[in-house]
Amino acid sequence: MLRISWTAKKTNDTVLEEAHTTSLLISKIRKRQATFFGHVMRREKLENLVTTGMLEGKRSRGKQREKLIEGLTDWLKAGKSLEAIEATKDRKKWRTMIANAVKQGT
């Protein structure tokens, strides 16, 4: 479509910008993660503790994995993870945050 050679050293992001589109798969995955995270955070069970990383114990060696909350706060542009956690308590506010992030296409 864009006649980009397979030998051209272009990233997926630059190709998507040239095509004036966004990756629909990534935005769908992020939206589903955000809705699931809101569901888990409204319930105050074990899943809540695991998702926020508030469990006791030692951390494993090596580079630490990115937590779900960190990825979602970056995507939602919520600032701090505490703001995102507090926003999940109000379902309407949480859904508008998700809808705004999906509209921005990030």
Protein backbone atom coordinates (compact mmCIF):
# COMPACT_ATOMS: atom_id res chain seq x y z
CA MET A 1 0.00 0.00 0.00
CA LEU A 2 2.70 2.47 0.97
CA ARG A 3 5.34 0.74 -1.18
CA ILE A 4 7.83 0.41 1.65
CA SER A 5 10.67 -1.96 0.86
CA TRP A 6 11.18 -4.82 3.27
CA THR A 7 14.84 -3.83 3.49
CA ALA A 8 13.99 -0.31 4.66
CA LYS A 9 14.88 0.20 8.31
CA LYS A 10 11.58 1.67 9.51
CA THR A 11 9.85 1.00 12.79
CA ASN A 12 6.22 0.01 13.03
CA ASP A 13 5.42 3.36 14.63
CA THR A 14 6.81 5.34 11.69
CA VAL A 15 4.93 3.19 9.19
CA LEU A 16 1.69 3.70 11.12
CA GLU A 17 2.31 7.46 11.19
CA GLU A 18 2.87 7.49 7.42
CA ALA A 19 -0.37 5.56 6.93
CA HIS A 20 -2.19 8.00 9.27
CA THR A 21 -3.55 5.18 11.39
CA THR A 22 -3.00 3.52 14.74
CA SER A 23 -2.58 -0.07 15.78
CA LEU A 24 -6.07 -1.27 16.66
CA LEU A 25 -4.83 -4.42 18.33
CA ILE A 26 -2.76 -2.58 20.94
CA SER A 27 -5.60 -0.20 21.81
CA LYS A 28 -8.04 -3.10 22.17
CA ILE A 29 -5.65 -4.96 24.46
CA ARG A 30 -5.08 -1.86 26.60
CA LYS A 31 -8.83 -1.22 26.83
CA ARG A 32 -9.50 -4.77 27.98
CA GLN A 33 -6.66 -4.58 30.50
CA ALA A 34 -8.07 -1.33 31.88
CA THR A 35 -11.60 -2.68 32.22
CA PHE A 36 -10.31 -5.83 33.92
CA PHE A 37 -8.13 -3.76 36.22
CA GLY A 38 -11.13 -1.62 37.21
CA HIS A 39 -13.15 -4.76 37.90
CA VAL A 40 -10.39 -6.24 40.09
CA MET A 41 -9.77 -3.01 41.99
CA ARG A 42 -13.44 -2.55 42.87
CA ARG A 43 -13.43 -5.98 44.51
CA GLU A 44 -11.33 -6.03 47.66
CA LYS A 45 -10.01 -9.57 47.45
CA LEU A 46 -6.69 -11.32 46.86
CA GLU A 47 -6.61 -10.28 43.19
CA ASN A 48 -6.52 -6.66 44.34
CA LEU A 49 -3.41 -7.27 46.43
CA VAL A 50 -1.67 -9.21 43.68
CA THR A 51 -2.39 -6.57 41.03
CA THR A 52 -1.16 -3.67 43.11
CA GLY A 53 1.90 -5.60 44.31
CA MET A 54 1.14 -5.20 48.01
CA LEU A 55 2.04 -8.79 48.91
CA GLU A 56 4.72 -9.58 51.45
CA GLY A 57 7.87 -11.38 50.45
CA LYS A 58 11.13 -11.11 48.57
CA ARG A 59 11.48 -9.84 45.05
CA SER A 60 13.14 -12.02 42.48
CA ARG A 61 16.59 -11.24 41.12
CA GLY A 62 17.24 -9.42 37.89
CA LYS A 63 15.28 -6.76 36.09
CA GLN A 64 11.85 -6.42 37.60
CA ARG A 65 8.83 -6.89 35.36
CA GLU A 66 6.67 -3.91 34.56
CA LYS A 67 3.56 -3.94 36.70
CA LEU A 68 0.13 -3.75 35.11
CA ILE A 69 -0.67 -0.57 37.03
CA GLU A 70 2.42 1.20 35.67
CA GLY A 71 1.55 0.40 32.07
CA LEU A 72 -2.05 1.51 32.53
CA THR A 73 -1.16 4.80 34.21
CA ASP A 74 1.15 5.61 31.31
CA TRP A 75 -1.58 4.75 28.80
CA LEU A 76 -4.31 6.62 30.68
CA LYS A 77 -1.97 9.53 31.44
CA ALA A 78 -3.20 9.39 35.02
CA GLY A 79 0.01 10.71 36.51
CA LYS A 80 0.50 8.53 39.55
CA SER A 81 -0.70 4.99 40.07
CA LEU A 82 -2.57 6.08 43.20
CA GLU A 83 -4.75 8.38 41.09
CA ALA A 84 -5.64 5.48 38.81
CA ILE A 85 -6.47 3.24 41.77
CA GLU A 86 -8.72 5.90 43.28
CA ALA A 87 -10.42 6.45 39.91
CA THR A 88 -11.42 2.79 39.75
CA LYS A 89 -13.66 3.23 42.79
CA ASP A 90 -15.95 5.47 40.72
CA ARG A 91 -17.02 3.35 37.76
CA LYS A 92 -18.29 6.27 35.67
CA LYS A 93 -15.04 8.21 36.07
CA TRP A 94 -12.98 5.12 35.25
CA ARG A 95 -14.96 4.45 32.08
CA THR A 96 -14.56 8.03 30.88
CA MET A 97 -10.79 7.79 31.49
CA ILE A 98 -10.67 4.63 29.36
CA ALA A 99 -12.82 6.17 26.63
CA ASN A 100 -10.57 9.26 26.48
CA ALA A 101 -7.45 7.13 26.21
CA VAL A 102 -8.99 5.05 23.41
CA LYS A 103 -10.00 8.22 21.51
CA GLN A 104 -6.44 9.51 21.69
CA GLY A 105 -5.31 6.24 20.14
CA THR A 106 -2.21 5.81 22.23
